[in-house]
Amino acid sequence: LGKDRTLELSYDQLNSSKGLTFTSELADLSECNF
């Protein structure tokens, strides 16, 4: 939702990182190689 409780990043910074997606499901990393 664009909220960083650590205050390191703003909503705009998170929102503009277009290639970044988030997950808590390990299975979502199955296609990753790095």
ModelCIF file with pLDDT and N, C-alpha, C, O atoms, coordinates in Angstrom:
data_MODEL
#
_entry.id   MODEL 
#
_entity.id                         1 
_entity.type                       polymer 
_entity.pdbx_number_of_molecules   1 
#
_entity_poly.entity_id                      1 
_entity_poly.type                           'polypeptide(L)' 
_entity_poly.nstd_linkage                   no 
_entity_poly.nstd_monomer                   no 
_entity_poly.pdbx_seq_one_letter_code       LGKDRTLELSYDQLNSSKGLTFTSELADLSECNF 
_entity_poly.pdbx_seq_one_letter_code_can   LGKDRTLELSYDQLNSSKGLTFTSELADLSECNF 
_entity_poly.pdbx_strand_id                 A 
#
loop_
_entity_poly_seq.entity_id 
_entity_poly_seq.num 
_entity_poly_seq.mon_id 
_entity_poly_seq.hetero 
1 1  LEU n 
1 2  GLY n 
1 3  LYS n 
1 4  ASP n 
1 5  ARG n 
1 6  THR n 
1 7  LEU n 
1 8  GLU n 
1 9  LEU n 
1 10 SER n 
1 11 TYR n 
1 12 ASP n 
1 13 GLN n 
1 14 LEU n 
1 15 ASN n 
1 16 SER n 
1 17 SER n 
1 18 LYS n 
1 19 GLY n 
1 20 LEU n 
1 21 THR n 
1 22 PHE n 
1 23 THR n 
1 24 SER n 
1 25 GLU n 
1 26 LEU n 
1 27 ALA n 
1 28 ASP n 
1 29 LEU n 
1 30 SER n 
1 31 GLU n 
1 32 CYS n 
1 33 ASN n 
1 34 PHE n 
#
_struct_asym.id          A 
_struct_asym.entity_id   1 
#
loop_
_ma_qa_metric.id 
_ma_qa_metric.mode 
_ma_qa_metric.name 
_ma_qa_metric.software_group_id 
_ma_qa_metric.type 
1 global pLDDT . pLDDT 
2 local  pLDDT . pLDDT 
#
_ma_qa_metric_global.metric_id      1 
_ma_qa_metric_global.metric_value   93.76 
_ma_qa_metric_global.model_id       1 
_ma_qa_metric_global.ordinal_id     1 
#
loop_
_ma_qa_metric_local.label_asym_id 
_ma_qa_metric_local.label_comp_id 
_ma_qa_metric_local.label_seq_id 
_ma_qa_metric_local.metric_id 
_ma_qa_metric_local.metric_value 
_ma_qa_metric_local.model_id 
_ma_qa_metric_local.ordinal_id 
A LEU 1  2 94.00 1 1  
A GLY 2  2 94.00 1 2  
A LYS 3  2 93.00 1 3  
A ASP 4  2 92.00 1 4  
A ARG 5  2 88.00 1 5  
A THR 6  2 86.00 1 6  
A LEU 7  2 85.00 1 7  
A GLU 8  2 87.00 1 8  
A LEU 9  2 89.00 1 9  
A SER 10 2 89.00 1 10 
A TYR 11 2 93.00 1 11 
A ASP 12 2 93.00 1 12 
A GLN 13 2 92.00 1 13 
A LEU 14 2 93.00 1 14 
A ASN 15 2 92.00 1 15 
A SER 16 2 94.00 1 16 
A SER 17 2 95.00 1 17 
A LYS 18 2 95.00 1 18 
A GLY 19 2 96.00 1 19 
A LEU 20 2 96.00 1 20 
A THR 21 2 96.00 1 21 
A PHE 22 2 97.00 1 22 
A THR 23 2 97.00 1 23 
A SER 24 2 97.00 1 24 
A GLU 25 2 97.00 1 25 
A LEU 26 2 97.00 1 26 
A ALA 27 2 96.00 1 27 
A ASP 28 2 97.00 1 28 
A LEU 29 2 97.00 1 29 
A SER 30 2 94.00 1 30 
A GLU 31 2 95.00 1 31 
A CYS 32 2 97.00 1 32 
A ASN 33 2 97.00 1 33 
A PHE 34 2 98.00 1 34 
#
loop_
_atom_site.group_PDB 
_atom_site.id 
_atom_site.type_symbol 
_atom_site.label_atom_id 
_atom_site.label_alt_id 
_atom_site.label_comp_id 
_atom_site.label_asym_id 
_atom_site.label_entity_id 
_atom_site.label_seq_id 
_atom_site.pdbx_PDB_ins_code 
_atom_site.Cartn_x 
_atom_site.Cartn_y 
_atom_site.Cartn_z 
_atom_site.occupancy 
_atom_site.B_iso_or_equiv 
_atom_site.pdbx_formal_charge 
_atom_site.auth_seq_id 
_atom_site.auth_comp_id 
_atom_site.auth_asym_id 
_atom_site.auth_atom_id 
_atom_site.pdbx_PDB_model_num 
ATOM 1   N N  . LEU A 1 1  ? 0.816  -1.215  0.000   1.00 94.00 ? 1  LEU A N  1 
ATOM 2   C CA . LEU A 1 1  ? 0.000  0.000   0.000   1.00 94.00 ? 1  LEU A CA 1 
ATOM 3   C C  . LEU A 1 1  ? 0.849  1.265   0.000   1.00 94.00 ? 1  LEU A C  1 
ATOM 4   O O  . LEU A 1 1  ? 0.322  2.376   0.054   1.00 94.00 ? 1  LEU A O  1 
ATOM 5   N N  . GLY A 1 2  ? 2.177  1.089   -0.062  1.00 94.00 ? 2  GLY A N  1 
ATOM 6   C CA . GLY A 1 2  ? 3.077  2.234   -0.105  1.00 94.00 ? 2  GLY A CA 1 
ATOM 7   C C  . GLY A 1 2  ? 3.443  2.804   1.244   1.00 94.00 ? 2  GLY A C  1 
ATOM 8   O O  . GLY A 1 2  ? 3.897  3.945   1.332   1.00 94.00 ? 2  GLY A O  1 
ATOM 9   N N  . LYS A 1 3  ? 3.250  2.018   2.315   1.00 93.00 ? 3  LYS A N  1 
ATOM 10  C CA . LYS A 1 3  ? 3.547  2.498   3.664   1.00 93.00 ? 3  LYS A CA 1 
ATOM 11  C C  . LYS A 1 3  ? 4.769  1.787   4.222   1.00 93.00 ? 3  LYS A C  1 
ATOM 12  O O  . LYS A 1 3  ? 4.787  0.560   4.322   1.00 93.00 ? 3  LYS A O  1 
ATOM 13  N N  . ASP A 1 4  ? 5.793  2.558   4.586   1.00 92.00 ? 4  ASP A N  1 
ATOM 14  C CA . ASP A 1 4  ? 7.015  2.021   5.191   1.00 92.00 ? 4  ASP A CA 1 
ATOM 15  C C  . ASP A 1 4  ? 7.109  2.505   6.629   1.00 92.00 ? 4  ASP A C  1 
ATOM 16  O O  . ASP A 1 4  ? 7.409  3.672   6.881   1.00 92.00 ? 4  ASP A O  1 
ATOM 17  N N  . ARG A 1 5  ? 6.851  1.600   7.576   1.00 88.00 ? 5  ARG A N  1 
ATOM 18  C CA . ARG A 1 5  ? 6.846  1.983   8.985   1.00 88.00 ? 5  ARG A CA 1 
ATOM 19  C C  . ARG A 1 5  ? 8.239  2.382   9.497   1.00 88.00 ? 5  ARG A C  1 
ATOM 20  O O  . ARG A 1 5  ? 8.346  3.046   10.528  1.00 88.00 ? 5  ARG A O  1 
ATOM 21  N N  . THR A 1 6  ? 9.306  1.983   8.785   1.00 86.00 ? 6  THR A N  1 
ATOM 22  C CA . THR A 1 6  ? 10.655 2.372   9.195   1.00 86.00 ? 6  THR A CA 1 
ATOM 23  C C  . THR A 1 6  ? 10.980 3.814   8.824   1.00 86.00 ? 6  THR A C  1 
ATOM 24  O O  . THR A 1 6  ? 11.972 4.371   9.296   1.00 86.00 ? 6  THR A O  1 
ATOM 25  N N  . LEU A 1 7  ? 10.153 4.413   7.989   1.00 85.00 ? 7  LEU A N  1 
ATOM 26  C CA . LEU A 1 7  ? 10.309 5.792   7.526   1.00 85.00 ? 7  LEU A CA 1 
ATOM 27  C C  . LEU A 1 7  ? 11.539 6.002   6.655   1.00 85.00 ? 7  LEU A C  1 
ATOM 28  O O  . LEU A 1 7  ? 11.955 7.138   6.432   1.00 85.00 ? 7  LEU A O  1 
ATOM 29  N N  . GLU A 1 8  ? 12.118 4.923   6.166   1.00 87.00 ? 8  GLU A N  1 
ATOM 30  C CA . GLU A 1 8  ? 13.266 5.049   5.280   1.00 87.00 ? 8  GLU A CA 1 
ATOM 31  C C  . GLU A 1 8  ? 12.850 5.526   3.895   1.00 87.00 ? 8  GLU A C  1 
ATOM 32  O O  . GLU A 1 8  ? 13.585 6.254   3.229   1.00 87.00 ? 8  GLU A O  1 
ATOM 33  N N  . LEU A 1 9  ? 11.652 5.102   3.470   1.00 89.00 ? 9  LEU A N  1 
ATOM 34  C CA . LEU A 1 9  ? 11.184 5.445   2.137   1.00 89.00 ? 9  LEU A CA 1 
ATOM 35  C C  . LEU A 1 9  ? 9.784  6.053   2.195   1.00 89.00 ? 9  LEU A C  1 
ATOM 36  O O  . LEU A 1 9  ? 8.957  5.675   3.025   1.00 89.00 ? 9  LEU A O  1 
ATOM 37  N N  . SER A 1 10 ? 9.544  6.993   1.301   1.00 89.00 ? 10 SER A N  1 
ATOM 38  C CA . SER A 1 10 ? 8.241  7.639   1.217   1.00 89.00 ? 10 SER A CA 1 
ATOM 39  C C  . SER A 1 10 ? 7.301  6.834   0.321   1.00 89.00 ? 10 SER A C  1 
ATOM 40  O O  . SER A 1 10 ? 7.716  5.902   -0.368  1.00 89.00 ? 10 SER A O  1 
ATOM 41  N N  . TYR A 1 11 ? 6.037  7.216   0.349   1.00 93.00 ? 11 TYR A N  1 
ATOM 42  C CA . TYR A 1 11 ? 5.053  6.601   -0.529  1.00 93.00 ? 11 TYR A CA 1 
ATOM 43  C C  . TYR A 1 11 ? 5.458  6.761   -1.995  1.00 93.00 ? 11 TYR A C  1 
ATOM 44  O O  . TYR A 1 11 ? 5.360  5.815   -2.776  1.00 93.00 ? 11 TYR A O  1 
ATOM 45  N N  . ASP A 1 12 ? 5.911  7.954   -2.364  1.00 93.00 ? 12 ASP A N  1 
ATOM 46  C CA . ASP A 1 12 ? 6.294  8.223   -3.756  1.00 93.00 ? 12 ASP A CA 1 
ATOM 47  C C  . ASP A 1 12 ? 7.483  7.363   -4.187  1.00 93.00 ? 12 ASP A C  1 
ATOM 48  O O  . ASP A 1 12 ? 7.521  6.867   -5.313  1.00 93.00 ? 12 ASP A O  1 
ATOM 49  N N  . GLN A 1 13 ? 8.450  7.189   -3.287  1.00 92.00 ? 13 GLN A N  1 
ATOM 50  C CA . GLN A 1 13 ? 9.610  6.364   -3.615  1.00 92.00 ? 13 GLN A CA 1 
ATOM 51  C C  . GLN A 1 13 ? 9.202  4.919   -3.877  1.00 92.00 ? 13 GLN A C  1 
ATOM 52  O O  . GLN A 1 13 ? 9.642  4.304   -4.848  1.00 92.00 ? 13 GLN A O  1 
ATOM 53  N N  . LEU A 1 14 ? 8.352  4.383   -2.994  1.00 93.00 ? 14 LEU A N  1 
ATOM 54  C CA . LEU A 1 14 ? 7.891  3.011   -3.169  1.00 93.00 ? 14 LEU A CA 1 
ATOM 55  C C  . LEU A 1 14 ? 7.040  2.868   -4.422  1.00 93.00 ? 14 LEU A C  1 
ATOM 56  O O  . LEU A 1 14 ? 7.180  1.902   -5.171  1.00 93.00 ? 14 LEU A O  1 
ATOM 57  N N  . ASN A 1 15 ? 6.176  3.814   -4.638  1.00 92.00 ? 15 ASN A N  1 
ATOM 58  C CA . ASN A 1 15 ? 5.240  3.750   -5.755  1.00 92.00 ? 15 ASN A CA 1 
ATOM 59  C C  . ASN A 1 15 ? 5.939  3.868   -7.104  1.00 92.00 ? 15 ASN A C  1 
ATOM 60  O O  . ASN A 1 15 ? 5.477  3.316   -8.102  1.00 92.00 ? 15 ASN A O  1 
ATOM 61  N N  . SER A 1 16 ? 7.065  4.597   -7.127  1.00 94.00 ? 16 SER A N  1 
ATOM 62  C CA . SER A 1 16 ? 7.784  4.805   -8.386  1.00 94.00 ? 16 SER A CA 1 
ATOM 63  C C  . SER A 1 16 ? 8.735  3.659   -8.729  1.00 94.00 ? 16 SER A C  1 
ATOM 64  O O  . SER A 1 16 ? 9.296  3.617   -9.824  1.00 94.00 ? 16 SER A O  1 
ATOM 65  N N  . SER A 1 17 ? 8.912  2.737   -7.793  1.00 95.00 ? 17 SER A N  1 
ATOM 66  C CA . SER A 1 17 ? 9.733  1.558   -8.059  1.00 95.00 ? 17 SER A CA 1 
ATOM 67  C C  . SER A 1 17 ? 8.861  0.514   -8.764  1.00 95.00 ? 17 SER A C  1 
ATOM 68  O O  . SER A 1 17 ? 8.385  -0.438  -8.146  1.00 95.00 ? 17 SER A O  1 
ATOM 69  N N  . LYS A 1 18 ? 8.669  0.712   -10.042 1.00 95.00 ? 18 LYS A N  1 
ATOM 70  C CA . LYS A 1 18 ? 7.666  -0.037  -10.801 1.00 95.00 ? 18 LYS A CA 1 
ATOM 71  C C  . LYS A 1 18 ? 7.968  -1.526  -10.923 1.00 95.00 ? 18 LYS A C  1 
ATOM 72  O O  . LYS A 1 18 ? 7.050  -2.332  -11.075 1.00 95.00 ? 18 LYS A O  1 
ATOM 73  N N  . GLY A 1 19 ? 9.239  -1.897  -10.857 1.00 96.00 ? 19 GLY A N  1 
ATOM 74  C CA . GLY A 1 19 ? 9.588  -3.303  -11.004 1.00 96.00 ? 19 GLY A CA 1 
ATOM 75  C C  . GLY A 1 19 ? 9.501  -4.115  -9.720  1.00 96.00 ? 19 GLY A C  1 
ATOM 76  O O  . GLY A 1 19 ? 9.695  -5.331  -9.736  1.00 96.00 ? 19 GLY A O  1 
ATOM 77  N N  . LEU A 1 20 ? 9.207  -3.442  -8.599  1.00 96.00 ? 20 LEU A N  1 
ATOM 78  C CA . LEU A 1 20 ? 9.220  -4.097  -7.290  1.00 96.00 ? 20 LEU A CA 1 
ATOM 79  C C  . LEU A 1 20 ? 7.832  -4.587  -6.901  1.00 96.00 ? 20 LEU A C  1 
ATOM 80  O O  . LEU A 1 20 ? 6.868  -3.821  -6.905  1.00 96.00 ? 20 LEU A O  1 
ATOM 81  N N  . THR A 1 21 ? 7.741  -5.852  -6.570  1.00 96.00 ? 21 THR A N  1 
ATOM 82  C CA . THR A 1 21 ? 6.524  -6.432  -6.018  1.00 96.00 ? 21 THR A CA 1 
ATOM 83  C C  . THR A 1 21 ? 6.848  -7.095  -4.686  1.00 96.00 ? 21 THR A C  1 
ATOM 84  O O  . THR A 1 21 ? 7.998  -7.445  -4.423  1.00 96.00 ? 21 THR A O  1 
ATOM 85  N N  . PHE A 1 22 ? 5.829  -7.265  -3.849  1.00 97.00 ? 22 PHE A N  1 
ATOM 86  C CA . PHE A 1 22 ? 6.036  -7.787  -2.504  1.00 97.00 ? 22 PHE A CA 1 
ATOM 87  C C  . PHE A 1 22 ? 5.253  -9.077  -2.294  1.00 97.00 ? 22 PHE A C  1 
ATOM 88  O O  . PHE A 1 22 ? 4.174  -9.274  -2.853  1.00 97.00 ? 22 PHE A O  1 
ATOM 89  N N  . THR A 1 23 ? 5.832  -9.951  -1.469  1.00 97.00 ? 23 THR A N  1 
ATOM 90  C CA . THR A 1 23 ? 5.153  -11.197 -1.143  1.00 97.00 ? 23 THR A CA 1 
ATOM 91  C C  . THR A 1 23 ? 5.638  -11.744 0.192   1.00 97.00 ? 23 THR A C  1 
ATOM 92  O O  . THR A 1 23 ? 6.761  -11.478 0.620   1.00 97.00 ? 23 THR A O  1 
ATOM 93  N N  . SER A 1 24 ? 4.772  -12.512 0.839   1.00 97.00 ? 24 SER A N  1 
ATOM 94  C CA . SER A 1 24 ? 5.162  -13.268 2.025   1.00 97.00 ? 24 SER A CA 1 
ATOM 95  C C  . SER A 1 24 ? 5.058  -14.767 1.753   1.00 97.00 ? 24 SER A C  1 
ATOM 96  O O  . SER A 1 24 ? 5.162  -15.582 2.669   1.00 97.00 ? 24 SER A O  1 
ATOM 97  N N  . GLU A 1 25 ? 4.852  -15.122 0.482   1.00 97.00 ? 25 GLU A N  1 
ATOM 98  C CA . GLU A 1 25 ? 4.734  -16.519 0.064   1.00 97.00 ? 25 GLU A CA 1 
ATOM 99  C C  . GLU A 1 25 ? 6.035  -16.970 -0.590  1.00 97.00 ? 25 GLU A C  1 
ATOM 100 O O  . GLU A 1 25 ? 6.417  -16.446 -1.637  1.00 97.00 ? 25 GLU A O  1 
ATOM 101 N N  . LEU A 1 26 ? 6.708  -17.928 0.012   1.00 97.00 ? 26 LEU A N  1 
ATOM 102 C CA . LEU A 1 26 ? 7.984  -18.414 -0.505  1.00 97.00 ? 26 LEU A CA 1 
ATOM 103 C C  . LEU A 1 26 ? 7.850  -18.970 -1.921  1.00 97.00 ? 26 LEU A C  1 
ATOM 104 O O  . LEU A 1 26 ? 8.761  -18.834 -2.738  1.00 97.00 ? 26 LEU A O  1 
ATOM 105 N N  . ALA A 1 27 ? 6.731  -19.586 -2.200  1.00 96.00 ? 27 ALA A N  1 
ATOM 106 C CA . ALA A 1 27 ? 6.515  -20.180 -3.518  1.00 96.00 ? 27 ALA A CA 1 
ATOM 107 C C  . ALA A 1 27 ? 6.615  -19.158 -4.645  1.00 96.00 ? 27 ALA A C  1 
ATOM 108 O O  . ALA A 1 27 ? 6.922  -19.513 -5.783  1.00 96.00 ? 27 ALA A O  1 
ATOM 109 N N  . ASP A 1 28 ? 6.354  -17.884 -4.328  1.00 97.00 ? 28 ASP A N  1 
ATOM 110 C CA . ASP A 1 28 ? 6.424  -16.832 -5.342  1.00 97.00 ? 28 ASP A CA 1 
ATOM 111 C C  . ASP A 1 28 ? 7.850  -16.577 -5.823  1.00 97.00 ? 28 ASP A C  1 
ATOM 112 O O  . ASP A 1 28 ? 8.055  -15.885 -6.820  1.00 97.00 ? 28 ASP A O  1 
ATOM 113 N N  . LEU A 1 29 ? 8.843  -17.138 -5.112  1.00 97.00 ? 29 LEU A N  1 
ATOM 114 C CA . LEU A 1 29 ? 10.242 -16.947 -5.485  1.00 97.00 ? 29 LEU A CA 1 
ATOM 115 C C  . LEU A 1 29 ? 10.787 -18.108 -6.318  1.00 97.00 ? 29 LEU A C  1 
ATOM 116 O O  . LEU A 1 29 ? 11.974 -18.137 -6.642  1.00 97.00 ? 29 LEU A O  1 
ATOM 117 N N  . SER A 1 30 ? 9.928  -19.056 -6.662  1.00 94.00 ? 30 SER A N  1 
ATOM 118 C CA . SER A 1 30 ? 10.395 -20.295 -7.295  1.00 94.00 ? 30 SER A CA 1 
ATOM 119 C C  . SER A 1 30 ? 11.073 -20.061 -8.644  1.00 94.00 ? 30 SER A C  1 
ATOM 120 O O  . SER A 1 30 ? 11.933 -20.846 -9.045  1.00 94.00 ? 30 SER A O  1 
ATOM 121 N N  . GLU A 1 31 ? 10.701 -19.005 -9.341  1.00 95.00 ? 31 GLU A N  1 
ATOM 122 C CA . GLU A 1 31 ? 11.297 -18.721 -10.644 1.00 95.00 ? 31 GLU A CA 1 
ATOM 123 C C  . GLU A 1 31 ? 12.540 -17.838 -10.551 1.00 95.00 ? 31 GLU A C  1 
ATOM 124 O O  . GLU A 1 31 ? 13.206 -17.602 -11.560 1.00 95.00 ? 31 GLU A O  1 
ATOM 125 N N  . CYS A 1 32 ? 12.855 -17.354 -9.368  1.00 97.00 ? 32 CYS A N  1 
ATOM 126 C CA . CYS A 1 32 ? 14.033 -16.507 -9.187  1.00 97.00 ? 32 CYS A CA 1 
ATOM 127 C C  . CYS A 1 32 ? 15.300 -17.343 -9.219  1.00 97.00 ? 32 CYS A C  1 
ATOM 128 O O  . CYS A 1 32 ? 15.294 -18.517 -8.848  1.00 97.00 ? 32 CYS A O  1 
ATOM 129 N N  . ASN A 1 33 ? 16.387 -16.727 -9.664  1.00 97.00 ? 33 ASN A N  1 
ATOM 130 C CA . ASN A 1 33 ? 17.673 -17.438 -9.724  1.00 97.00 ? 33 ASN A CA 1 
ATOM 131 C C  . ASN A 1 33 ? 18.804 -16.677 -9.037  1.00 97.00 ? 33 ASN A C  1 
ATOM 132 O O  . ASN A 1 33 ? 19.951 -17.124 -9.023  1.00 97.00 ? 33 ASN A O  1 
ATOM 133 N N  . PHE A 1 34 ? 18.465 -15.525 -8.470  1.00 98.00 ? 34 PHE A N  1 
ATOM 134 C CA . PHE A 1 34 ? 19.445 -14.710 -7.761  1.00 98.00 ? 34 PHE A CA 1 
ATOM 135 C C  . PHE A 1 34 ? 18.765 -14.172 -6.497  1.00 98.00 ? 34 PHE A C  1 
ATOM 136 O O  . PHE A 1 34 ? 19.389 -13.449 -5.721  1.00 98.00 ? 34 PHE A O  1 
#
